[in-house]
Amino acid sequence: MRTIRVETSSATVLLTEAPEPKVRDRQTGEIAKDVTSGETLMKVGVVYIDEGESSLIHVTVPESGVTDGLTLGAPVSLPGLVARPWESVFNGQQRHGIAYRAAALAPGAVPAGVGA
């Protein structure tokens, strides 16, 4: 699967949904785990703003990478943010999207020059 690094140095990333365990199977309630470490994966919602455009995205982060002290609406940093395009067929319908994953989630700052 192709992985694309997402440059965040000039972007503003704001927390819109608090971290919560990522559900792997909605029917059974099974929580998603990292295939390598077995660590619980968390899902977080953010708005990514860069060059006057914004996107609401969900990002997967390992539980150990989630820092305390996060506030909804506040800037956050997502070191190691990558995007992975995906596609599948479900009930005869082709689906596609982009999955986002980061190494960590921590309080951040608004880049210099934003809002000036």
N, C-alpha and C. Protein backbone atom coordinates (compact mmCIF):
# COMPACT_ATOMS: atom_id res chain seq x y z
N MET A 1 0.84 -1.17 0.00
CA MET A 1 0.00 0.00 0.00
C MET A 1 0.90 1.24 0.00
N ARG A 2 0.56 2.19 -0.81
CA ARG A 2 1.33 3.43 -0.93
C ARG A 2 1.11 4.31 0.29
N THR A 3 2.19 4.89 0.80
CA THR A 3 2.13 5.80 1.95
C THR A 3 2.65 7.16 1.51
N ILE A 4 1.90 8.20 1.84
CA ILE A 4 2.25 9.57 1.46
C ILE A 4 2.45 10.39 2.73
N ARG A 5 3.64 10.97 2.89
CA ARG A 5 3.89 11.84 4.04
C ARG A 5 3.08 13.12 3.90
N VAL A 6 2.48 13.56 5.00
CA VAL A 6 1.71 14.79 5.00
C VAL A 6 2.52 15.86 5.73
N GLU A 7 2.83 16.93 5.02
CA GLU A 7 3.61 18.02 5.59
C GLU A 7 2.71 18.87 6.48
N THR A 8 3.08 19.02 7.74
CA THR A 8 2.25 19.78 8.67
C THR A 8 2.91 21.05 9.18
N SER A 9 4.13 21.34 8.78
CA SER A 9 4.86 22.48 9.36
C SER A 9 4.18 23.82 9.10
N SER A 10 3.51 24.00 7.97
CA SER A 10 2.85 25.27 7.68
C SER A 10 1.34 25.22 7.91
N ALA A 11 0.85 24.06 8.34
CA ALA A 11 -0.59 23.88 8.53
C ALA A 11 -1.00 24.18 9.97
N THR A 12 -2.27 24.49 10.14
CA THR A 12 -2.88 24.57 11.45
C THR A 12 -3.74 23.33 11.60
N VAL A 13 -3.53 22.60 12.68
CA VAL A 13 -4.31 21.39 12.95
C VAL A 13 -5.00 21.59 14.29
N LEU A 14 -6.35 21.54 14.28
CA LEU A 14 -7.14 21.79 15.49
C LEU A 14 -7.88 20.52 15.89
N LEU A 15 -7.91 20.23 17.18
CA LEU A 15 -8.59 19.05 17.70
C LEU A 15 -10.10 19.26 17.69
N THR A 16 -10.83 18.38 17.02
CA THR A 16 -12.29 18.50 16.96
C THR A 16 -13.01 17.36 17.66
N GLU A 17 -12.34 16.24 17.85
CA GLU A 17 -12.93 15.09 18.56
C GLU A 17 -11.86 14.49 19.46
N ALA A 18 -12.21 14.28 20.73
CA ALA A 18 -11.27 13.71 21.69
C ALA A 18 -10.86 12.29 21.27
N PRO A 19 -9.65 11.89 21.62
CA PRO A 19 -9.20 10.54 21.29
C PRO A 19 -10.09 9.48 21.95
N GLU A 20 -10.39 8.45 21.18
CA GLU A 20 -11.16 7.33 21.71
C GLU A 20 -10.65 6.06 21.04
N PRO A 21 -10.82 4.90 21.67
CA PRO A 21 -10.35 3.67 21.05
C PRO A 21 -10.99 3.47 19.67
N LYS A 22 -10.19 3.06 18.71
CA LYS A 22 -10.68 2.81 17.35
C LYS A 22 -11.33 1.43 17.33
N VAL A 23 -12.54 1.37 16.81
CA VAL A 23 -13.28 0.11 16.74
C VAL A 23 -12.94 -0.59 15.43
N ARG A 24 -12.50 -1.83 15.54
CA ARG A 24 -12.14 -2.62 14.35
C ARG A 24 -13.38 -3.25 13.73
N ASP A 25 -14.27 -3.76 14.57
CA ASP A 25 -15.48 -4.45 14.09
C ASP A 25 -16.68 -3.88 14.84
N ARG A 26 -17.52 -3.15 14.16
CA ARG A 26 -18.68 -2.50 14.80
C ARG A 26 -19.68 -3.50 15.35
N GLN A 27 -19.80 -4.67 14.71
CA GLN A 27 -20.77 -5.67 15.17
C GLN A 27 -20.36 -6.29 16.50
N THR A 28 -19.06 -6.55 16.68
CA THR A 28 -18.61 -7.21 17.90
C THR A 28 -18.06 -6.21 18.92
N GLY A 29 -17.75 -4.98 18.47
CA GLY A 29 -17.17 -3.99 19.36
C GLY A 29 -15.67 -4.18 19.56
N GLU A 30 -15.05 -5.05 18.75
CA GLU A 30 -13.62 -5.32 18.87
C GLU A 30 -12.82 -4.04 18.64
N ILE A 31 -11.86 -3.80 19.53
CA ILE A 31 -11.00 -2.62 19.45
C ILE A 31 -9.81 -2.92 18.54
N ALA A 32 -9.44 -1.96 17.71
CA ALA A 32 -8.31 -2.13 16.77
C ALA A 32 -7.00 -2.12 17.54
N LYS A 33 -6.10 -2.99 17.12
CA LYS A 33 -4.75 -3.09 17.70
C LYS A 33 -3.73 -2.96 16.59
N ASP A 34 -2.56 -2.41 16.94
CA ASP A 34 -1.45 -2.34 15.99
C ASP A 34 -0.99 -3.76 15.70
N VAL A 35 -0.83 -4.12 14.42
CA VAL A 35 -0.47 -5.49 14.06
C VAL A 35 0.93 -5.86 14.51
N THR A 36 1.81 -4.89 14.66
CA THR A 36 3.18 -5.18 15.06
C THR A 36 3.34 -5.25 16.58
N SER A 37 2.83 -4.24 17.28
CA SER A 37 3.05 -4.14 18.73
C SER A 37 1.90 -4.68 19.56
N GLY A 38 0.71 -4.79 18.98
CA GLY A 38 -0.46 -5.22 19.74
C GLY A 38 -1.07 -4.11 20.56
N GLU A 39 -0.52 -2.89 20.42
CA GLU A 39 -1.00 -1.75 21.18
C GLU A 39 -2.36 -1.27 20.67
N THR A 40 -3.21 -0.81 21.59
CA THR A 40 -4.51 -0.25 21.23
C THR A 40 -4.32 0.98 20.36
N LEU A 41 -5.15 1.10 19.32
CA LEU A 41 -5.12 2.26 18.43
C LEU A 41 -6.25 3.20 18.81
N MET A 42 -5.96 4.48 18.75
CA MET A 42 -6.93 5.51 19.07
C MET A 42 -7.32 6.26 17.80
N LYS A 43 -8.56 6.77 17.78
CA LYS A 43 -9.05 7.57 16.67
C LYS A 43 -9.29 8.97 17.20
N VAL A 44 -8.86 9.97 16.44
CA VAL A 44 -9.04 11.36 16.84
C VAL A 44 -9.50 12.16 15.63
N GLY A 45 -10.37 13.12 15.85
CA GLY A 45 -10.83 14.00 14.78
C GLY A 45 -10.12 15.33 14.84
N VAL A 46 -9.67 15.80 13.68
CA VAL A 46 -9.00 17.10 13.58
C VAL A 46 -9.47 17.82 12.33
N VAL A 47 -9.30 19.14 12.36
CA VAL A 47 -9.47 19.91 11.13
C VAL A 47 -8.05 20.33 10.73
N TYR A 48 -7.72 20.06 9.47
CA TYR A 48 -6.40 20.35 8.91
C TYR A 48 -6.57 21.55 7.99
N ILE A 49 -5.90 22.66 8.32
CA ILE A 49 -6.04 23.90 7.56
C ILE A 49 -4.68 24.28 6.98
N ASP A 50 -4.63 24.42 5.65
CA ASP A 50 -3.38 24.80 5.00
C ASP A 50 -3.71 25.52 3.70
N GLU A 51 -3.02 26.62 3.47
CA GLU A 51 -3.17 27.42 2.25
C GLU A 51 -4.63 27.80 1.99
N GLY A 52 -5.34 28.16 3.06
CA GLY A 52 -6.72 28.63 2.92
C GLY A 52 -7.76 27.55 2.72
N GLU A 53 -7.36 26.29 2.74
CA GLU A 53 -8.31 25.19 2.58
C GLU A 53 -8.31 24.34 3.84
N SER A 54 -9.47 23.76 4.15
CA SER A 54 -9.55 22.94 5.35
C SER A 54 -10.23 21.60 5.05
N SER A 55 -9.86 20.61 5.85
CA SER A 55 -10.46 19.27 5.74
C SER A 55 -10.64 18.71 7.13
N LEU A 56 -11.79 18.09 7.36
CA LEU A 56 -12.02 17.35 8.59
C LEU A 56 -11.54 15.93 8.34
N ILE A 57 -10.64 15.44 9.18
CA ILE A 57 -10.11 14.09 9.00
C ILE A 57 -10.06 13.36 10.33
N HIS A 58 -10.09 12.04 10.26
CA HIS A 58 -9.85 11.20 11.43
C HIS A 58 -8.46 10.61 11.28
N VAL A 59 -7.72 10.61 12.37
CA VAL A 59 -6.35 10.13 12.37
C VAL A 59 -6.22 9.03 13.41
N THR A 60 -5.53 7.95 13.04
CA THR A 60 -5.25 6.86 13.96
C THR A 60 -3.89 7.09 14.60
N VAL A 61 -3.84 6.93 15.93
CA VAL A 61 -2.62 7.16 16.69
C VAL A 61 -2.50 6.04 17.72
N PRO A 62 -1.30 5.51 17.95
CA PRO A 62 -1.15 4.50 19.01
C PRO A 62 -1.46 5.14 20.37
N GLU A 63 -2.05 4.36 21.26
CA GLU A 63 -2.47 4.87 22.56
C GLU A 63 -1.31 5.53 23.32
N SER A 64 -0.12 4.95 23.23
CA SER A 64 1.04 5.50 23.94
C SER A 64 1.49 6.85 23.36
N GLY A 65 1.03 7.19 22.16
CA GLY A 65 1.42 8.45 21.52
C GLY A 65 0.49 9.60 21.83
N VAL A 66 -0.60 9.34 22.58
CA VAL A 66 -1.56 10.39 22.91
C VAL A 66 -1.11 11.08 24.19
N THR A 67 -0.84 12.38 24.10
CA THR A 67 -0.37 13.19 25.22
C THR A 67 -1.55 13.71 26.04
N ASP A 68 -1.37 13.82 27.34
CA ASP A 68 -2.37 14.44 28.21
C ASP A 68 -2.41 15.94 27.95
N GLY A 69 -3.47 16.58 28.41
CA GLY A 69 -3.56 18.03 28.31
C GLY A 69 -4.12 18.53 26.99
N LEU A 70 -4.82 17.68 26.25
CA LEU A 70 -5.40 18.09 24.97
C LEU A 70 -6.74 18.78 25.23
N THR A 71 -7.01 19.85 24.48
CA THR A 71 -8.25 20.61 24.63
C THR A 71 -8.95 20.69 23.28
N LEU A 72 -10.26 20.39 23.26
CA LEU A 72 -11.02 20.51 22.02
C LEU A 72 -10.93 21.94 21.50
N GLY A 73 -10.71 22.08 20.20
CA GLY A 73 -10.59 23.37 19.55
C GLY A 73 -9.19 23.95 19.55
N ALA A 74 -8.30 23.33 20.33
CA ALA A 74 -6.93 23.84 20.43
C ALA A 74 -6.03 23.24 19.36
N PRO A 75 -4.94 23.93 19.01
CA PRO A 75 -3.99 23.38 18.05
C PRO A 75 -3.31 22.13 18.59
N VAL A 76 -3.06 21.18 17.71
CA VAL A 76 -2.33 19.96 18.06
C VAL A 76 -1.26 19.70 17.01
N SER A 77 -0.30 18.85 17.37
CA SER A 77 0.69 18.42 16.39
C SER A 77 0.52 16.93 16.18
N LEU A 78 0.81 16.50 14.97
CA LEU A 78 0.69 15.10 14.56
C LEU A 78 2.01 14.66 13.91
N PRO A 79 3.05 14.43 14.70
CA PRO A 79 4.33 14.02 14.10
C PRO A 79 4.20 12.72 13.34
N GLY A 80 4.87 12.65 12.20
CA GLY A 80 4.86 11.43 11.40
C GLY A 80 3.54 11.18 10.69
N LEU A 81 2.75 12.22 10.44
CA LEU A 81 1.45 12.04 9.78
C LEU A 81 1.64 11.53 8.36
N VAL A 82 0.94 10.44 8.04
CA VAL A 82 0.96 9.87 6.69
C VAL A 82 -0.47 9.60 6.23
N ALA A 83 -0.65 9.58 4.92
CA ALA A 83 -1.93 9.26 4.30
C ALA A 83 -1.75 7.99 3.48
N ARG A 84 -2.72 7.10 3.58
CA ARG A 84 -2.69 5.85 2.81
C ARG A 84 -3.99 5.70 2.04
N PRO A 85 -3.95 5.86 0.71
CA PRO A 85 -5.16 5.63 -0.08
C PRO A 85 -5.55 4.16 0.02
N TRP A 86 -6.87 3.89 0.04
CA TRP A 86 -7.35 2.52 0.11
C TRP A 86 -8.59 2.37 -0.77
N GLU A 87 -8.86 1.13 -1.12
CA GLU A 87 -10.11 0.81 -1.82
C GLU A 87 -10.49 -0.62 -1.52
N SER A 88 -11.79 -0.88 -1.54
CA SER A 88 -12.29 -2.23 -1.27
C SER A 88 -13.66 -2.37 -1.90
N VAL A 89 -14.14 -3.59 -1.92
CA VAL A 89 -15.49 -3.87 -2.39
C VAL A 89 -16.27 -4.42 -1.20
N PHE A 90 -17.42 -3.79 -0.89
CA PHE A 90 -18.24 -4.18 0.24
C PHE A 90 -19.68 -4.31 -0.25
N ASN A 91 -20.26 -5.50 -0.10
CA ASN A 91 -21.62 -5.76 -0.58
C ASN A 91 -21.80 -5.37 -2.05
N GLY A 92 -20.79 -5.69 -2.85
CA GLY A 92 -20.86 -5.42 -4.28
C GLY A 92 -20.59 -3.99 -4.69
N GLN A 93 -20.32 -3.11 -3.73
CA GLN A 93 -20.05 -1.71 -4.05
C GLN A 93 -18.59 -1.39 -3.80
N GLN A 94 -17.98 -0.74 -4.77
CA GLN A 94 -16.59 -0.33 -4.61
C GLN A 94 -16.54 0.90 -3.72
N ARG A 95 -15.63 0.85 -2.74
CA ARG A 95 -15.44 1.97 -1.83
C ARG A 95 -13.97 2.38 -1.87
N HIS A 96 -13.71 3.64 -1.56
CA HIS A 96 -12.33 4.11 -1.52
C HIS A 96 -12.24 5.30 -0.58
N GLY A 97 -11.03 5.59 -0.16
CA GLY A 97 -10.82 6.72 0.74
C GLY A 97 -9.35 6.88 1.06
N ILE A 98 -9.09 7.65 2.09
CA ILE A 98 -7.73 7.88 2.55
C ILE A 98 -7.72 7.65 4.06
N ALA A 99 -6.81 6.81 4.52
CA ALA A 99 -6.63 6.57 5.95
C ALA A 99 -5.42 7.38 6.41
N TYR A 100 -5.57 8.06 7.54
CA TYR A 100 -4.49 8.88 8.09
C TYR A 100 -3.98 8.24 9.38
N ARG A 101 -2.66 8.28 9.55
CA ARG A 101 -2.05 7.74 10.76
C ARG A 101 -0.87 8.61 11.15
N ALA A 102 -0.71 8.80 12.47
CA ALA A 102 0.40 9.59 12.99
C ALA A 102 1.07 8.82 14.12
N ALA A 103 2.32 9.16 14.39
CA ALA A 103 3.07 8.51 15.46
C ALA A 103 2.60 8.99 16.83
N ALA A 104 2.09 10.24 16.90
CA ALA A 104 1.69 10.81 18.18
C ALA A 104 0.69 11.93 17.97
N LEU A 105 0.07 12.34 19.09
CA LEU A 105 -0.84 13.47 19.13
C LEU A 105 -0.48 14.28 20.36
N ALA A 106 -0.11 15.53 20.18
CA ALA A 106 0.34 16.36 21.29
C ALA A 106 -0.18 17.79 21.10
N PRO A 107 -0.26 18.56 22.21
CA PRO A 107 -0.63 19.96 22.05
C PRO A 107 0.34 20.64 21.08
N GLY A 108 -0.19 21.56 20.27
CA GLY A 108 0.64 22.21 19.26
C GLY A 108 0.48 23.71 19.33
N ALA A 109 0.98 24.36 18.31
CA ALA A 109 0.91 25.82 18.21
C ALA A 109 0.45 26.19 16.81
N VAL A 110 -0.15 27.36 16.69
CA VAL A 110 -0.53 27.88 15.37
C VAL A 110 0.75 28.35 14.71
N PRO A 111 1.01 27.92 13.45
CA PRO A 111 2.24 28.36 12.76
C PRO A 111 2.33 29.87 12.65
N ALA A 112 3.54 30.38 12.67
CA ALA A 112 3.79 31.83 12.54
C ALA A 112 3.18 32.33 11.24
N GLY A 113 2.57 33.48 11.29
CA GLY A 113 2.00 34.09 10.09
C GLY A 113 0.56 33.70 9.82
N VAL A 114 0.02 32.71 10.55
CA VAL A 114 -1.37 32.32 10.34
C VAL A 114 -2.27 33.33 11.04
N GLY A 115 -3.26 33.80 10.34
CA GLY A 115 -4.18 34.76 10.89
C GLY A 115 -3.65 36.19 10.89
N ALA A 116 -2.48 36.39 10.31
CA ALA A 116 -1.90 37.74 10.30
C ALA A 116 -2.44 38.55 9.15
